[in-house]
PDB file of N, CA and C in Angstrom:
ATOM      1  N   ILE A   1       0.591  -1.322   0.291  1.00  0.00           N
ATOM      2  CA  ILE A   1       0.227  -0.150   0.543  1.00  0.00           C
ATOM      3  C   ILE A   1       1.190   1.392   0.422  1.00  0.00           C
ATOM      4  N   ASP A   2       0.528   2.269  -1.149  1.00  0.00           N
ATOM      5  CA  ASP A   2       1.265   3.178  -0.973  1.00  0.00           C
ATOM      6  C   ASP A   2       0.426   4.178   0.180  1.00  0.00           C
ATOM      7  N   GLU A   3       1.831   4.322   1.035  1.00  0.00           N
ATOM      8  CA  GLU A   3       1.947   5.396   2.178  1.00  0.00           C
ATOM      9  C   GLU A   3       1.498   7.094   1.592  1.00  0.00           C
ATOM     10  N   THR A   4       1.771   7.510   0.434  1.00  0.00           N
ATOM     11  CA  THR A   4       1.449   8.550   0.324  1.00  0.00           C
ATOM     12  C   THR A   4      -0.247   8.750  -0.186  1.00  0.00           C
ATOM     13  N   LYS A   5      -0.703   8.050  -0.642  1.00  0.00           N
ATOM     14  CA  LYS A   5      -1.796   8.073  -0.693  1.00  0.00           C
ATOM     15  C   LYS A   5      -3.061   7.709   0.244  1.00  0.00           C
ATOM     16  N   GLN A   6      -2.124   7.328   1.757  1.00  0.00           N
ATOM     17  CA  GLN A   6      -3.303   7.070   3.187  1.00  0.00           C
ATOM     18  C   GLN A   6      -3.924   8.802   2.986  1.00  0.00           C
ATOM     19  N   GLU A   7      -5.037   8.797   4.027  1.00  0.00           N
ATOM     20  CA  GLU A   7      -5.621  10.032   4.163  1.00  0.00           C
ATOM     21  C   GLU A   7      -4.475  10.624   5.256  1.00  0.00           C
ATOM     22  N   GLY A   8      -4.588  12.095   5.452  1.00  0.00           N
ATOM     23  CA  GLY A   8      -3.773  12.417   6.373  1.00  0.00           C
ATOM     24  C   GLY A   8      -3.620  12.912   7.554  1.00  0.00           C
ATOM     25  N   LYS A   9      -3.969  14.187   7.996  1.00  0.00           N
ATOM     26  CA  LYS A   9      -4.502  14.860   9.027  1.00  0.00           C
ATOM     27  C   LYS A   9      -6.157  15.212   9.129  1.00  0.00           C
ATOM     28  N   ALA A  10      -6.610  14.839   7.704  1.00  0.00           N
ATOM     29  CA  ALA A  10      -7.994  15.155   8.693  1.00  0.00           C
ATOM     30  C   ALA A  10      -8.731  13.508   7.902  1.00  0.00           C
ATOM     31  N   GLY A  11      -8.283  12.491   8.069  1.00  0.00           N
ATOM     32  CA  GLY A  11      -8.614  10.820   7.557  1.00  0.00           C
ATOM     33  C   GLY A  11      -8.765   9.847   8.788  1.00  0.00           C
ATOM     34  N   ALA A  12      -8.202   8.722   8.929  1.00  0.00           N
ATOM     35  CA  ALA A  12      -8.638   7.879   9.585  1.00  0.00           C
ATOM     36  C   ALA A  12      -7.115   8.639  11.113  1.00  0.00           C
ATOM     37  N   ASN A  13      -6.490   8.809  10.444  1.00  0.00           N
ATOM     38  CA  ASN A  13      -5.232   8.934  11.363  1.00  0.00           C
ATOM     39  C   ASN A  13      -4.962  10.657  11.757  1.00  0.00           C
ATOM     40  N   LYS A  14      -5.828  10.941  11.738  1.00  0.00           N
ATOM     41  CA  LYS A  14      -6.140  12.258  12.347  1.00  0.00           C
ATOM     42  C   LYS A  14      -5.303  12.441  14.037  1.00  0.00           C
ATOM     43  N   TYR A  15      -5.793  11.647  14.564  1.00  0.00           N
ATOM     44  CA  TYR A  15      -5.520  11.261  15.852  1.00  0.00           C
ATOM     45  C   TYR A  15      -4.042  10.409  15.989  1.00  0.00           C
ATOM     46  N   ALA A  16      -3.279  10.268  17.587  1.00  0.00           N
ATOM     47  CA  ALA A  16      -2.712   8.859  18.307  1.00  0.00           C
ATOM     48  C   ALA A  16      -3.668   8.893  18.986  1.00  0.00           C
ATOM     49  N   TYR A  17      -3.235   7.212  19.089  1.00  0.00           N
ATOM     50  CA  TYR A  17      -4.026   6.734  20.202  1.00  0.00           C
ATOM     51  C   TYR A  17      -2.852   5.773  21.237  1.00  0.00           C
ATOM     52  N   TRP A  18      -3.082   5.608  21.919  1.00  0.00           N
ATOM     53  CA  TRP A  18      -2.361   4.658  23.029  1.00  0.00           C
ATOM     54  C   TRP A  18      -3.279   3.645  23.580  1.00  0.00           C
ATOM     55  N   ALA A  19      -2.413   2.326  23.925  1.00  0.00           N
ATOM     56  CA  ALA A  19      -3.304   2.052  24.856  1.00  0.00           C
ATOM     57  C   ALA A  19      -2.319   0.980  25.857  1.00  0.00           C
ATOM     58  N   THR A  20      -3.079   0.265  27.120  1.00  0.00           N
ATOM     59  CA  THR A  20      -2.348  -0.383  28.140  1.00  0.00           C
ATOM     60  C   THR A  20      -3.068  -1.418  28.943  1.00  0.00           C
ATOM     61  N   GLN A  21      -2.520  -2.255  29.385  1.00  0.00           N
ATOM     62  CA  GLN A  21      -2.830  -3.653  30.027  1.00  0.00           C
ATOM     63  C   GLN A  21      -3.554  -3.125  30.994  1.00  0.00           C
ATOM     64  N   CYS A  22      -2.507  -2.253  32.404  1.00  0.00           N
ATOM     65  CA  CYS A  22      -2.688  -1.815  33.348  1.00  0.00           C
ATOM     66  C   CYS A  22      -2.199  -0.330  33.430  1.00  0.00           C
ATOM     67  N   VAL A  23      -2.952   0.515  33.918  1.00  0.00           N
ATOM     68  CA  VAL A  23      -3.178   1.752  34.438  1.00  0.00           C
ATOM     69  C   VAL A  23      -2.004   2.196  35.350  1.00  0.00           C
ATOM     70  N   GLU A  24      -1.955   1.008  36.548  1.00  0.00           N
ATOM     71  CA  GLU A  24      -1.266   1.497  37.286  1.00  0.00           C
ATOM     72  C   GLU A  24       0.319   1.022  36.832  1.00  0.00           C
ATOM     73  N   GLU A  25       0.700   0.374  36.077  1.00  0.00           N
ATOM     74  CA  GLU A  25       1.700   0.802  35.919  1.00  0.00           C
ATOM     75  C   GLU A  25       2.048   1.615  34.829  1.00  0.00           C
ATOM     76  N   GLY A  26       1.840   2.282  34.276  1.00  0.00           N
ATOM     77  CA  GLY A  26       2.375   3.060  33.362  1.00  0.00           C
ATOM     78  C   GLY A  26       3.105   3.042  32.197  1.00  0.00           C
ATOM     79  N   LYS A  27       2.858   1.572  31.682  1.00  0.00           N
ATOM     80  CA  LYS A  27       3.552   1.437  30.352  1.00  0.00           C
ATOM     81  C   LYS A  27       2.333   1.511  29.368  1.00  0.00           C
ATOM     82  N   TRP A  28       2.648   2.635  28.540  1.00  0.00           N
ATOM     83  CA  TRP A  28       1.323   2.999  27.251  1.00  0.00           C
ATOM     84  C   TRP A  28       2.282   2.642  26.301  1.00  0.00           C
ATOM     85  N   VAL A  29       1.495   1.930  25.188  1.00  0.00           N
ATOM     86  CA  VAL A  29       2.070   1.830  23.786  1.00  0.00           C
ATOM     87  C   VAL A  29       1.599   3.104  23.083  1.00  0.00           C
ATOM     88  N   LYS A  30       1.923   3.387  21.882  1.00  0.00           N
ATOM     89  CA  LYS A  30       1.287   4.242  20.803  1.00  0.00           C
ATOM     90  C   LYS A  30       0.929   3.193  19.662  1.00  0.00           C
ATOM     91  N   LEU A  31      -0.017   3.411  19.363  1.00  0.00           N
ATOM     92  CA  LEU A  31      -0.965   2.371  18.444  1.00  0.00           C
ATOM     93  C   LEU A  31      -0.334   2.939  16.708  1.00  0.00           C
ATOM     94  N   PRO A  32      -0.340   2.129  16.366  1.00  0.00           N
ATOM     95  CA  PRO A  32       0.712   2.530  14.870  1.00  0.00           C
ATOM     96  C   PRO A  32      -0.601   3.191  13.998  1.00  0.00           C
ATOM     97  N   ASN A  33      -0.090   3.926  12.973  1.00  0.00           N
ATOM     98  CA  ASN A  33      -1.411   3.987  11.786  1.00  0.00           C
ATOM     99  C   ASN A  33      -1.522   3.143  11.445  1.00  0.00           C
ATOM    100  N   VAL A  34      -3.128   3.486  11.008  1.00  0.00           N
ATOM    101  CA  VAL A  34      -4.049   2.188   9.960  1.00  0.00           C
ATOM    102  C   VAL A  34      -3.388   2.518   8.998  1.00  0.00           C
ATOM    103  N   THR A  35      -3.955   1.373   7.913  1.00  0.00           N
ATOM    104  CA  THR A  35      -4.175   1.545   6.687  1.00  0.00           C
ATOM    105  C   THR A  35      -5.701   1.103   5.789  1.00  0.00           C
ATOM    106  N   MET A  36      -6.060   1.586   4.524  1.00  0.00           N
ATOM    107  CA  MET A  36      -7.356   1.524   3.769  1.00  0.00           C
ATOM    108  C   MET A  36      -7.543  -0.079   4.628  1.00  0.00           C
ATOM    109  N   GLU A  37      -6.344  -0.287   3.726  1.00  0.00           N
ATOM    110  CA  GLU A  37      -6.559  -2.521   3.987  1.00  0.00           C
ATOM    111  C   GLU A  37      -6.744  -2.863   4.839  1.00  0.00           C
ATOM    112  N   GLN A  38      -6.024  -2.606   6.080  1.00  0.00           N
ATOM    113  CA  GLN A  38      -6.882  -2.841   7.427  1.00  0.00           C
ATOM    114  C   GLN A  38      -7.710  -2.507   7.971  1.00  0.00           C
ATOM    115  N   VAL A  39      -8.684  -1.395   7.551  1.00  0.00           N
ATOM    116  CA  VAL A  39     -10.102  -1.065   8.239  1.00  0.00           C
ATOM    117  C   VAL A  39     -11.061  -1.368   7.145  1.00  0.00           C
ATOM    118  N   VAL A  40     -10.835  -2.264   6.094  1.00  0.00           N
ATOM    119  CA  VAL A  40     -11.697  -3.065   4.813  1.00  0.00           C
ATOM    120  C   VAL A  40     -11.570  -4.169   5.384  1.00  0.00           C
ATOM    121  N   LYS A  41     -10.534  -4.806   5.803  1.00  0.00           N
ATOM    122  CA  LYS A  41     -10.111  -6.583   5.993  1.00  0.00           C
ATOM    123  C   LYS A  41     -11.423  -6.712   7.471  1.00  0.00           C
ATOM    124  N   ALA A  42     -10.723  -5.408   8.459  1.00  0.00           N
ATOM    125  CA  ALA A  42     -11.035  -5.262   9.848  1.00  0.00           C
ATOM    126  C   ALA A  42     -12.609  -5.416   9.723  1.00  0.00           C
ATOM    127  N   ARG A  43     -13.523  -5.028   8.941  1.00  0.00           N
ATOM    128  CA  ARG A  43     -14.494  -4.653   9.193  1.00  0.00           C
ATOM    129  C   ARG A  43     -15.287  -6.142   8.243  1.00  0.00           C
ATOM    130  N   LEU A  44     -14.222  -6.562   7.891  1.00  0.00           N
ATOM    131  CA  LEU A  44     -15.230  -8.191   7.440  1.00  0.00           C
ATOM    132  C   LEU A  44     -15.354  -9.604   8.507  1.00  0.00           C
ATOM    133  N   PHE A  45     -15.005  -9.324   9.325  1.00  0.00           N
ATOM    134  CA  PHE A  45     -14.921 -10.392  10.518  1.00  0.00           C
ATOM    135  C   PHE A  45     -15.135 -10.095  11.822  1.00  0.00           C
ATOM    136  N   ARG A  46     -15.564 -10.023  12.820  1.00  0.00           N
ATOM    137  CA  ARG A  46     -15.716  -9.830  13.833  1.00  0.00           C
ATOM    138  C   ARG A  46     -14.743 -11.296  15.119  1.00  0.00           C
ATOM    139  N   ARG A  47     -13.789 -10.259  16.434  1.00  0.00           N
ATOM    140  CA  ARG A  47     -13.026 -11.210  16.947  1.00  0.00           C
ATOM    141  C   ARG A  47     -12.692 -10.386  17.968  1.00  0.00           C
ATOM    142  N   LEU A  48     -12.624 -11.323  19.480  1.00  0.00           N
ATOM    143  CA  LEU A  48     -12.689 -10.843  20.068  1.00  0.00           C
ATOM    144  C   LEU A  48     -11.380 -10.183  20.477  1.00  0.00           C
ATOM    145  N   LEU A  49     -10.746  -9.002  20.903  1.00  0.00           N
ATOM    146  CA  LEU A  49      -9.414  -9.095  21.581  1.00  0.00           C
ATOM    147  C   LEU A  49      -8.745 -10.183  22.792  1.00  0.00           C
ATOM    148  N   THR A  50      -7.515 -10.334  22.680  1.00  0.00           N
ATOM    149  CA  THR A  50      -6.944 -10.750  23.662  1.00  0.00           C
ATOM    150  C   THR A  50      -6.290 -10.208  24.611  1.00  0.00           C
ATOM    151  N   GLY A  51      -5.577  -8.961  24.451  1.00  0.00           N
ATOM    152  CA  GLY A  51      -5.024  -7.930  25.133  1.00  0.00           C
ATOM    153  C   GLY A  51      -3.263  -8.353  25.146  1.00  0.00           C
ATOM    154  N   ASN A  52      -3.447  -8.815  23.848  1.00  0.00           N
ATOM    155  CA  ASN A  52      -1.716  -9.058  23.790  1.00  0.00           C
ATOM    156  C   ASN A  52      -1.378  -8.436  22.303  1.00  0.00           C
ATOM    157  N   LEU A  53      -0.449  -7.266  22.543  1.00  0.00           N
ATOM    158  CA  LEU A  53      -0.458  -5.781  21.087  1.00  0.00           C
ATOM    159  C   LEU A  53      -0.272  -7.216  19.998  1.00  0.00           C
ATOM    160  N   ASP A  54       0.942  -8.100  20.748  1.00  0.00           N
ATOM    161  CA  ASP A  54       1.748  -8.140  19.301  1.00  0.00           C
ATOM    162  C   ASP A  54       0.761  -9.795  18.919  1.00  0.00           C
ATOM    163  N   ALA A  55      -0.432 -10.131  19.388  1.00  0.00           N
ATOM    164  CA  ALA A  55      -0.649 -11.596  19.013  1.00  0.00           C
ATOM    165  C   ALA A  55      -1.449 -11.357  17.044  1.00  0.00           C
ATOM    166  N   SER A  56      -0.916 -12.805  17.226  1.00  0.00           N
ATOM    167  CA  SER A  56      -1.279 -12.476  15.406  1.00  0.00           C
ATOM    168  C   SER A  56      -3.446 -12.506  15.993  1.00  0.00           C
ATOM    169  N   VAL A  57      -3.622 -12.387  14.285  1.00  0.00           N
ATOM    170  CA  VAL A  57      -4.587 -12.485  14.196  1.00  0.00           C
ATOM    171  C   VAL A  57      -5.393 -13.332  12.972  1.00  0.00           C
ATOM    172  N   PRO A  58      -5.770 -14.517  13.505  1.00  0.00           N
ATOM    173  CA  PRO A  58      -6.240 -15.470  12.717  1.00  0.00           C
ATOM    174  C   PRO A  58      -7.509 -15.114  12.118  1.00  0.00           C
ATOM    175  N   SER A  59      -7.882 -15.115  11.286  1.00  0.00           N
ATOM    176  CA  SER A  59      -8.907 -14.646  10.421  1.00  0.00           C
ATOM    177  C   SER A  59      -9.563 -15.236   9.072  1.00  0.00           C
ATOM    178  N   TYR A  60     -10.339 -15.278   8.537  1.00  0.00           N
ATOM    179  CA  TYR A  60     -10.627 -15.038   7.201  1.00  0.00           C
ATOM    180  C   TYR A  60     -12.114 -13.785   6.901  1.00  0.00           C
ATOM    181  N   PRO A  61     -11.800 -13.351   5.832  1.00  0.00           N
ATOM    182  CA  PRO A  61     -10.306 -13.496   5.142  1.00  0.00           C
ATOM    183  C   PRO A  61      -8.837 -12.808   6.144  1.00  0.00           C
ATOM    184  N   PRO A  62      -7.510 -13.053   5.804  1.00  0.00           N
ATOM    185  CA  PRO A  62      -6.607 -12.529   6.924  1.00  0.00           C
ATOM    186  C   PRO A  62      -6.260 -11.288   6.513  1.00  0.00           C
ATOM    187  N   PHE A  63      -5.890 -10.912   8.270  1.00  0.00           N
ATOM    188  CA  PHE A  63      -6.117  -9.619   8.458  1.00  0.00           C
ATOM    189  C   PHE A  63      -4.693  -9.236   8.252  1.00  0.00           C
ATOM    190  N   PRO A  64      -4.160  -7.974   7.439  1.00  0.00           N
ATOM    191  CA  PRO A  64      -2.385  -7.883   7.545  1.00  0.00           C
ATOM    192  C   PRO A  64      -2.051  -7.472   8.521  1.00  0.00           C
ATOM    193  N   GLY A  65      -1.660  -7.781   9.391  1.00  0.00           N
ATOM    194  CA  GLY A  65      -1.073  -7.239  10.745  1.00  0.00           C
ATOM    195  C   GLY A  65      -0.853  -7.584  12.377  1.00  0.00           C
ATOM    196  N   SER A  66      -0.891  -7.435  13.111  1.00  0.00           N
ATOM    197  CA  SER A  66      -0.942  -8.164  14.173  1.00  0.00           C
ATOM    198  C   SER A  66      -2.314  -7.576  15.228  1.00  0.00           C
ATOM    199  N   GLU A  67      -2.806  -7.864  16.817  1.00  0.00           N
ATOM    200  CA  GLU A  67      -3.777  -7.434  17.061  1.00  0.00           C
ATOM    201  C   GLU A  67      -3.511  -5.720  17.510  1.00  0.00           C
ATOM    202  N   ARG A  68      -2.640  -4.963  17.196  1.00  0.00           N
ATOM    203  CA  ARG A  68      -2.430  -3.672  17.511  1.00  0.00           C
ATOM    204  C   ARG A  68      -2.664  -3.152  16.437  1.00  0.00           C
ATOM    205  N   HIS A  69      -2.968  -3.508  15.355  1.00  0.00           N
ATOM    206  CA  HIS A  69      -3.374  -3.109  14.088  1.00  0.00           C
ATOM    207  C   HIS A  69      -4.653  -3.194  14.125  1.00  0.00           C
ATOM    208  N   LEU A  70      -5.123  -4.144  14.732  1.00  0.00           N
ATOM    209  CA  LEU A  70      -6.853  -4.705  14.179  1.00  0.00           C
ATOM    210  C   LEU A  70      -7.352  -3.447  15.251  1.00  0.00           C
ATOM    211  N   LEU A  71      -6.745  -3.271  16.704  1.00  0.00           N
ATOM    212  CA  LEU A  71      -7.405  -2.407  17.755  1.00  0.00           C
ATOM    213  C   LEU A  71      -7.516  -0.971  16.799  1.00  0.00           C
ATOM    214  N   ARG A  72      -6.585  -0.724  16.300  1.00  0.00           N
ATOM    215  CA  ARG A  72      -6.059   0.522  15.707  1.00  0.00           C
ATOM    216  C   ARG A  72      -7.172   0.634  14.768  1.00  0.00           C
ATOM    217  N   ALA A  73      -7.894  -0.471  14.057  1.00  0.00           N
ATOM    218  CA  ALA A  73      -8.629  -0.098  12.813  1.00  0.00           C
ATOM    219  C   ALA A  73      -9.973  -0.034  13.520  1.00  0.00           C
ATOM    220  N   GLN A  74     -10.101  -0.949  14.572  1.00  0.00           N
ATOM    221  CA  GLN A  74     -11.398  -0.845  15.212  1.00  0.00           C
ATOM    222  C   GLN A  74     -11.834   0.647  15.646  1.00  0.00           C
ATOM    223  N   ILE A  75     -10.684   1.256  16.065  1.00  0.00           N
ATOM    224  CA  ILE A  75     -10.748   2.375  16.814  1.00  0.00           C
ATOM    225  C   ILE A  75     -11.167   3.197  15.902  1.00  0.00           C
ATOM    226  N   ALA A  76     -10.597   3.462  14.169  1.00  0.00           N
ATOM    227  CA  ALA A  76     -10.994   4.048  13.267  1.00  0.00           C
ATOM    228  C   ALA A  76     -11.850   4.223  13.053  1.00  0.00           C
ATOM    229  N   CYS A  77     -12.306   2.883  12.606  1.00  0.00           N
ATOM    230  CA  CYS A  77     -14.230   2.367  12.668  1.00  0.00           C
ATOM    231  C   CYS A  77     -14.860   3.412  13.274  1.00  0.00           C
ATOM    232  N   ILE A  78     -14.995   3.512  14.474  1.00  0.00           N
ATOM    233  CA  ILE A  78     -15.814   3.561  15.048  1.00  0.00           C
ATOM    234  C   ILE A  78     -15.563   5.177  15.182  1.00  0.00           C
ATOM    235  N   ALA A  79     -14.454   5.774  15.563  1.00  0.00           N
ATOM    236  CA  ALA A  79     -14.483   7.272  14.869  1.00  0.00           C
ATOM    237  C   ALA A  79     -15.018   7.820  14.047  1.00  0.00           C
ATOM    238  N   GLY A  80     -14.852   6.723  13.187  1.00  0.00           N
ATOM    239  CA  GLY A  80     -15.401   7.457  11.400  1.00  0.00           C
ATOM    240  C   GLY A  80     -17.080   7.506  11.269  1.00  0.00           C
ATOM    241  N   ALA A  81     -17.388   6.382  12.431  1.00  0.00           N
ATOM    242  CA  ALA A  81     -19.330   6.269  12.409  1.00  0.00           C
ATOM    243  C   ALA A  81     -19.627   7.062  13.137  1.00  0.00           C
ATOM    244  N   THR A  82     -19.016   8.336  13.652  1.00  0.00           N
ATOM    245  CA  THR A  82     -19.412   9.263  14.897  1.00  0.00           C
ATOM    246  C   THR A  82     -19.343  10.497  14.737  1.00  0.00           C
TER     247      THR A  82
END
């Protein structure tokens, strides 16, 4: 996917999102920018998240990325619908 054709500051990557498993620990991980392909594929299946951002995402159709990319794609879908 050509990154130059991605939506910029007015699109799905307008905001940065962070995730953590434990607020008290203070370890936050910045979620990566989402691609058009990830948003399209994330809408085609349902999956419960494991909480491990590095976990693979077994799905059909195959999802291009790990669970951190799926979480970011789901956030983009929700943000785009509001």
